[in-house]
Amino acid sequence: MKHKISDHIRKQLRDGNYETTHHAEKEREEEDISLKDIKNALINGQVVENYPHDPRGKSCLICGLSLDNKPIHVVCGYEEGFPIRIITTYRPQKPKWISSTERANVNE
């Protein structure tokens, strides 16, 4: 399932069928992440978390590398029949993330 989502996202990006939200634009500027970094992460990254029942539509969290090989996270929507929607992007870091793909347990 995760692999299929990734393939769909990659194809949409390669076809130029995507959009970024205002929130994603704001976050990428604050985190100094370029659109090329986001595309690289989405095309070469992996799905870390899948949100198929998100009330705003199916989405997932992808971890990939920026062009300077630093990990970044991208949350994107992937509803069939609609452009890929880049919802937000950020650099994973402590205390929320143990590693770039492992979320910290906030209950401990």
Protein backbone atom coordinates (compact mmCIF):
# COMPACT_ATOMS: atom_id res chain seq x y z
CA MET A 1 0.00 0.00 0.00
CA LYS A 2 2.68 2.49 0.98
CA HIS A 3 4.70 1.73 -2.15
CA LYS A 4 1.65 2.34 -4.35
CA ILE A 5 1.07 5.76 -2.74
CA SER A 6 4.70 6.72 -3.29
CA ASP A 7 4.53 5.71 -6.96
CA HIS A 8 1.37 7.78 -7.45
CA ILE A 9 2.98 10.82 -5.81
CA ARG A 10 6.16 10.45 -7.87
CA LYS A 11 4.21 10.24 -11.12
CA GLN A 12 2.12 13.30 -10.28
CA LEU A 13 5.23 15.32 -9.42
CA ARG A 14 7.01 14.30 -12.60
CA ASP A 15 3.90 15.33 -14.57
CA GLY A 16 3.83 18.71 -12.78
CA ASN A 17 0.46 17.84 -11.26
CA TYR A 18 0.87 19.30 -7.77
CA GLU A 19 0.08 22.36 -5.69
CA THR A 20 1.42 23.80 -2.46
CA THR A 21 -0.69 25.22 0.33
CA HIS A 22 -0.08 28.63 1.84
CA HIS A 23 1.01 26.85 5.03
CA ALA A 24 3.57 24.77 3.12
CA GLU A 25 4.99 27.89 1.48
CA LYS A 26 5.31 29.63 4.84
CA GLU A 27 6.93 26.62 6.51
CA ARG A 28 9.40 25.97 3.70
CA GLU A 29 10.54 29.59 3.78
CA GLU A 30 10.96 29.49 7.57
CA GLU A 31 12.87 26.20 7.38
CA ASP A 32 14.93 27.30 4.35
CA ILE A 33 13.66 24.42 2.20
CA SER A 34 13.45 24.99 -1.54
CA LEU A 35 10.78 23.62 -3.86
CA LYS A 36 13.55 21.57 -5.50
CA ASP A 37 14.36 20.10 -2.07
CA ILE A 38 10.70 19.14 -1.61
CA LYS A 39 10.48 17.52 -5.04
CA ASN A 40 13.71 15.61 -4.41
CA ALA A 41 12.43 14.36 -1.05
CA LEU A 42 9.08 13.28 -2.51
CA ILE A 43 10.56 11.53 -5.54
CA ASN A 44 13.35 9.75 -3.65
CA GLY A 45 11.88 9.49 -0.14
CA GLN A 46 9.77 6.95 1.68
CA VAL A 47 6.37 7.04 3.30
CA VAL A 48 6.85 7.17 7.08
CA GLU A 49 3.22 7.59 8.13
CA ASN A 50 0.01 7.18 6.19
CA TYR A 51 -3.18 9.11 7.03
CA PRO A 52 -5.89 7.49 4.88
CA HIS A 53 -8.75 8.77 7.07
CA ASP A 54 -7.66 12.39 7.47
CA PRO A 55 -10.85 14.51 7.37
CA ARG A 56 -9.15 16.83 4.85
CA GLY A 57 -8.47 13.91 2.50
CA LYS A 58 -5.99 11.06 2.24
CA SER A 59 -2.44 12.17 3.02
CA CYS A 60 0.90 10.83 4.13
CA LEU A 61 4.19 11.89 5.66
CA ILE A 62 7.22 11.30 3.46
CA CYS A 63 10.80 11.52 4.65
CA GLY A 64 13.43 12.29 2.07
CA LEU A 65 16.61 14.25 1.57
CA SER A 66 17.07 17.84 0.48
CA LEU A 67 19.57 18.51 -2.30
CA ASP A 68 22.27 19.02 0.37
CA ASN A 69 21.46 15.57 1.84
CA LYS A 70 19.65 16.77 4.97
CA PRO A 71 16.44 14.97 5.98
CA ILE A 72 13.16 16.76 5.46
CA HIS A 73 9.57 15.76 5.98
CA VAL A 74 6.76 16.55 3.58
CA VAL A 75 3.09 15.95 4.29
CA CYS A 76 1.09 15.69 1.12
CA GLY A 77 -2.46 14.90 0.09
CA TYR A 78 -2.98 12.33 -2.65
CA GLU A 79 -6.67 12.10 -3.48
CA GLU A 80 -7.28 10.32 -6.79
CA GLY A 81 -8.29 12.69 -9.53
CA PHE A 82 -6.75 15.75 -7.85
CA PRO A 83 -3.27 17.26 -7.94
CA ILE A 84 -0.87 16.22 -5.20
CA ARG A 85 -1.23 18.78 -2.43
CA ILE A 86 1.91 19.68 -0.51
CA ILE A 87 0.47 20.50 2.91
CA THR A 88 3.59 21.23 4.95
CA THR A 89 7.30 20.60 5.13
CA TYR A 90 9.85 20.77 7.91
CA ARG A 91 13.14 19.38 9.17
CA PRO A 92 12.58 16.52 11.65
CA GLN A 93 14.31 17.19 14.95
CA LYS A 94 14.25 16.41 18.64
CA PRO A 95 12.25 16.35 20.82
CA LYS A 96 9.48 15.28 18.40
CA TRP A 97 11.67 12.93 16.34
CA ILE A 98 14.25 10.42 17.58
CA SER A 99 15.54 10.04 14.04
CA SER A 100 14.32 11.25 10.66
CA THR A 101 11.89 8.32 10.46
CA GLU A 102 11.11 7.53 14.11
CA ARG A 103 8.71 9.67 16.09
CA ALA A 104 9.49 10.17 19.79
CA ASN A 105 7.02 8.76 22.28
CA VAL A 106 5.49 11.90 23.72
CA ASN A 107 3.82 9.97 26.56
CA GLU A 108 7.10 9.05 28.25
